[in-house]
């Protein structure tokens, strides 16, 4: 199997060859323009989403901003004598 069979041979007539080049150029410009339009649409949608979420979040913030809500478990206090010695800790580089 020859490799040249996979390529398209351009027409020999100069007018058809020029028409093929013009059609390829128009296709390339059209694809680039569509890519720019899709990119601009993504940027606009993302910006609107961020703005709307911020606006909705600011409307319902009637709580104190210094309070962090969540579930917490109170641990009993330990004395410092229950910690392992520094030499036996797994964070030292001697065990690596």
Protein backbone atom coordinates (compact mmCIF):
# COMPACT_ATOMS: atom_id res chain seq x y z
CA UNK A 1 0.00 0.00 0.00
CA UNK A 2 1.38 3.31 -1.02
CA UNK A 3 1.28 6.36 1.24
CA UNK A 4 0.32 8.80 -1.55
CA UNK A 5 -3.13 7.19 -1.81
CA UNK A 6 -4.09 8.80 1.52
CA UNK A 7 -3.58 12.36 0.25
CA UNK A 8 -6.00 14.36 -1.92
CA UNK A 9 -4.54 15.50 -5.20
CA UNK A 10 -5.45 19.10 -6.02
CA UNK A 11 -6.99 19.75 -9.42
CA UNK A 12 -4.65 20.67 -12.28
CA UNK A 13 -6.73 23.55 -13.61
CA UNK A 14 -5.45 26.84 -12.13
CA UNK A 15 -8.92 28.28 -11.64
CA UNK A 16 -10.13 25.21 -9.73
CA UNK A 17 -6.93 25.19 -7.71
CA UNK A 18 -7.47 28.86 -6.73
CA UNK A 19 -11.10 28.11 -5.90
CA UNK A 20 -9.99 25.24 -3.64
CA UNK A 21 -7.51 27.51 -1.85
CA UNK A 22 -10.18 30.18 -1.36
CA UNK A 23 -12.69 27.62 -0.05
CA UNK A 24 -10.09 26.27 2.40
CA UNK A 25 -9.27 29.77 3.60
CA UNK A 26 -12.95 30.62 4.10
CA UNK A 27 -13.45 27.35 6.00
CA UNK A 28 -10.44 28.06 8.23
CA UNK A 29 -11.61 31.62 8.97
CA UNK A 30 -15.14 30.36 9.70
CA UNK A 31 -13.88 27.74 12.15
CA UNK A 32 -11.68 30.30 13.91
CA UNK A 33 -14.61 32.72 14.16
CA UNK A 34 -16.87 30.01 15.59
CA UNK A 35 -14.20 29.13 18.14
CA UNK A 36 -13.94 32.77 19.20
CA UNK A 37 -17.72 33.05 19.51
CA UNK A 38 -17.93 29.88 21.62
CA UNK A 39 -15.08 31.13 23.82
CA UNK A 40 -16.77 34.50 24.28
CA UNK A 41 -20.06 32.77 25.14
CA UNK A 42 -18.30 30.65 27.78
CA UNK A 43 -16.72 33.74 29.31
CA UNK A 44 -20.07 35.60 29.38
CA UNK A 45 -21.93 32.66 30.95
CA UNK A 46 -19.21 32.18 33.57
CA UNK A 47 -19.19 35.88 34.44
CA UNK A 48 -22.98 35.98 34.76
CA UNK A 49 -22.95 32.85 36.93
CA UNK A 50 -20.36 34.32 39.29
CA UNK A 51 -22.23 37.63 39.51
CA UNK A 52 -25.62 36.01 40.15
CA UNK A 53 -24.19 33.67 42.80
CA UNK A 54 -22.51 36.60 44.55
CA UNK A 55 -25.71 38.63 44.40
CA UNK A 56 -27.78 35.76 45.81
CA UNK A 57 -25.20 35.10 48.52
CA UNK A 58 -25.15 38.75 49.57
CA UNK A 59 -28.96 38.85 49.83
CA UNK A 60 -29.18 36.03 52.36
CA UNK A 61 -26.19 36.91 54.54
CA UNK A 62 -28.13 38.02 57.61
CA UNK A 63 -25.83 36.13 59.99
CA UNK A 64 -22.74 37.42 61.74
CA UNK A 65 -19.78 37.14 59.32
CA UNK A 66 -17.46 36.28 62.21
CA UNK A 67 -19.35 33.04 62.97
CA UNK A 68 -18.33 29.84 61.20
CA UNK A 69 -21.11 27.28 61.10
CA UNK A 70 -20.47 23.56 61.14
CA UNK A 71 -20.52 20.42 63.23
CA UNK A 72 -17.86 20.17 65.88
CA UNK A 73 -16.90 17.59 68.46
CA UNK A 74 -15.41 18.78 71.72
CA UNK A 75 -12.41 16.63 72.61
CA UNK A 76 -11.43 16.17 76.24
CA UNK A 77 -8.20 17.99 77.14
CA UNK A 78 -5.09 15.82 77.35
CA UNK A 79 -1.95 16.41 79.29
CA UNK A 80 1.25 16.89 77.30
CA UNK A 81 2.77 13.79 78.86
CA UNK A 82 0.69 11.47 76.67
CA UNK A 83 2.40 12.47 73.41
CA UNK A 84 4.92 9.98 71.99
CA UNK A 85 8.60 10.82 72.34
CA UNK A 86 10.12 12.84 69.51
CA UNK A 87 12.40 10.04 68.37
CA UNK A 88 9.53 7.60 67.77
CA UNK A 89 7.40 10.00 65.73
CA UNK A 90 6.60 8.99 62.16
CA UNK A 91 7.34 12.49 60.87
CA UNK A 92 11.08 12.17 61.37
CA UNK A 93 13.25 11.37 58.35
CA UNK A 94 14.97 8.44 60.03
CA UNK A 95 12.24 6.01 59.04
CA UNK A 96 12.35 6.93 55.33
